[in-house]
C-alpha atoms as a PDB file:
ATOM      1  CA  MET A   1      12.323 -21.753 -15.243  1.00  0.00           C
ATOM      2  CA  LYS A   2      13.690 -18.582 -16.758  1.00  0.00           C
ATOM      3  CA  TYR A   3      13.195 -15.162 -15.218  1.00  0.00           C
ATOM      4  CA  LYS A   4      13.188 -11.825 -17.641  1.00  0.00           C
ATOM      5  CA  ILE A   5      13.903  -8.789 -15.706  1.00  0.00           C
ATOM      6  CA  HIS A   6      12.280  -5.571 -17.159  1.00  0.00           C
ATOM      7  CA  LYS A   7      12.815  -2.131 -16.119  1.00  0.00           C
ATOM      8  CA  PHE A   8      10.164   0.626 -16.503  1.00  0.00           C
ATOM      9  CA  LYS A   9      10.663   4.042 -15.955  1.00  0.00           C
ATOM     10  CA  ILE A  10       7.814   5.606 -14.272  1.00  0.00           C
ATOM     11  CA  ASN A  11       6.507   8.844 -12.779  1.00  0.00           C
ATOM     12  CA  MET A  12       3.779   7.314 -10.468  1.00  0.00           C
ATOM     13  CA  VAL A  13       1.719  10.478 -10.983  1.00  0.00           C
ATOM     14  CA  HIS A  14       0.998  10.190 -14.890  1.00  0.00           C
ATOM     15  CA  ASP A  15       2.005   6.468 -15.797  1.00  0.00           C
ATOM     16  CA  GLN A  16      -0.319   4.034 -13.745  1.00  0.00           C
ATOM     17  CA  ASP A  17      -2.193   3.613 -17.128  1.00  0.00           C
ATOM     18  CA  GLN A  18       0.879   2.522 -19.192  1.00  0.00           C
ATOM     19  CA  LEU A  19       2.381   0.275 -16.151  1.00  0.00           C
ATOM     20  CA  GLU A  20      -1.384  -1.580 -15.948  1.00  0.00           C
ATOM     21  CA  ARG A  21      -0.979  -2.020 -19.587  1.00  0.00           C
ATOM     22  CA  PHE A  22       2.834  -3.031 -19.721  1.00  0.00           C
ATOM     23  CA  LEU A  23       1.739  -5.757 -16.581  1.00  0.00           C
ATOM     24  CA  ASN A  24      -1.144  -7.050 -18.562  1.00  0.00           C
ATOM     25  CA  ASN A  25       0.999  -7.532 -21.875  1.00  0.00           C
ATOM     26  CA  LEU A  26       3.329  -9.911 -20.234  1.00  0.00           C
ATOM     27  CA  LYS A  27       3.400 -13.557 -21.072  1.00  0.00           C
ATOM     28  CA  GLY A  28       4.567 -14.847 -17.817  1.00  0.00           C
ATOM     29  CA  GLU A  29       4.203 -14.621 -14.285  1.00  0.00           C
ATOM     30  CA  VAL A  30       4.913 -11.373 -12.404  1.00  0.00           C
ATOM     31  CA  VAL A  31       7.109 -12.607  -9.528  1.00  0.00           C
ATOM     32  CA  SER A  32       7.997  -9.435  -7.996  1.00  0.00           C
ATOM     33  CA  ILE A  33       8.376  -5.835  -8.486  1.00  0.00           C
ATOM     34  CA  ILE A  34      11.212  -3.957  -7.065  1.00  0.00           C
ATOM     35  CA  PRO A  35      10.902   0.384  -6.949  1.00  0.00           C
ATOM     36  CA  ASN A  36      14.098   2.058  -7.031  1.00  0.00           C
ATOM     37  CA  PHE A  37      13.997   5.079  -4.563  1.00  0.00           C
ATOM     38  CA  ALA A  38      16.122   8.077  -6.243  1.00  0.00           C
ATOM     39  CA  LYS A  39      17.424  10.778  -3.647  1.00  0.00           C
ATOM     40  CA  THR A  40      17.677  13.929  -5.449  1.00  0.00           C
ATOM     41  CA  SER A  41      16.375  16.845  -2.991  1.00  0.00           C
ATOM     42  CA  LEU A  42      17.617  17.574   0.384  1.00  0.00           C
ATOM     43  CA  PHE A  43      14.353  16.122   2.103  1.00  0.00           C
ATOM     44  CA  GLN A  44      14.763  13.133  -0.008  1.00  0.00           C
ATOM     45  CA  ILE A  45      18.417  12.404   1.003  1.00  0.00           C
ATOM     46  CA  TYR A  46      16.811  12.857   4.565  1.00  0.00           C
ATOM     47  CA  GLY A  47      14.015  10.377   4.446  1.00  0.00           C
ATOM     48  CA  VAL A  48      11.534  12.958   4.255  1.00  0.00           C
ATOM     49  CA  SER A  49      10.163  11.948   1.351  1.00  0.00           C
ATOM     50  CA  ARG A  50      10.971   9.951  -1.821  1.00  0.00           C
ATOM     51  CA  LYS A  51      10.417   9.461  -5.383  1.00  0.00           C
ATOM     52  CA  ILE A  52      10.306   6.357  -7.208  1.00  0.00           C
ATOM     53  CA  ASN A  53      12.223   6.928 -10.806  1.00  0.00           C
ATOM     54  CA  PHE A  54      12.058   3.098 -12.181  1.00  0.00           C
ATOM     55  CA  LEU A  55      10.804  -0.234 -11.431  1.00  0.00           C
ATOM     56  CA  TYR A  56      12.251  -3.681 -11.485  1.00  0.00           C
ATOM     57  CA  ILE A  57       9.451  -6.372 -12.865  1.00  0.00           C
ATOM     58  CA  ILE A  58      10.910  -9.952 -12.648  1.00  0.00           C
ATOM     59  CA  GLU A  59       8.774 -11.952 -14.845  1.00  0.00           C
ATOM     60  CA  LYS A  60       9.041 -15.965 -15.073  1.00  0.00           C
ATOM     61  CA  SER A  61       8.729 -17.105 -18.155  1.00  0.00           C
ATOM     62  CA  LYS A  62       7.831 -20.584 -19.300  1.00  0.00           C
ATOM     63  CA  PRO A  63      10.807 -22.553 -21.184  1.00  0.00           C
END
């Protein structure tokens, strides 16, 4: 088995259709999607709100 890791930059409000197209065009099986939370404002640093700036998408491909 081989795995590929894709980094997908995203704005959760505007890029949902683009993410759907990306996932549907993958050849292998999606194993996991890991969000990266950016802490950029004072509220985000203290955990009141968070912003996802990109996703790691792990794909299992056929050898």
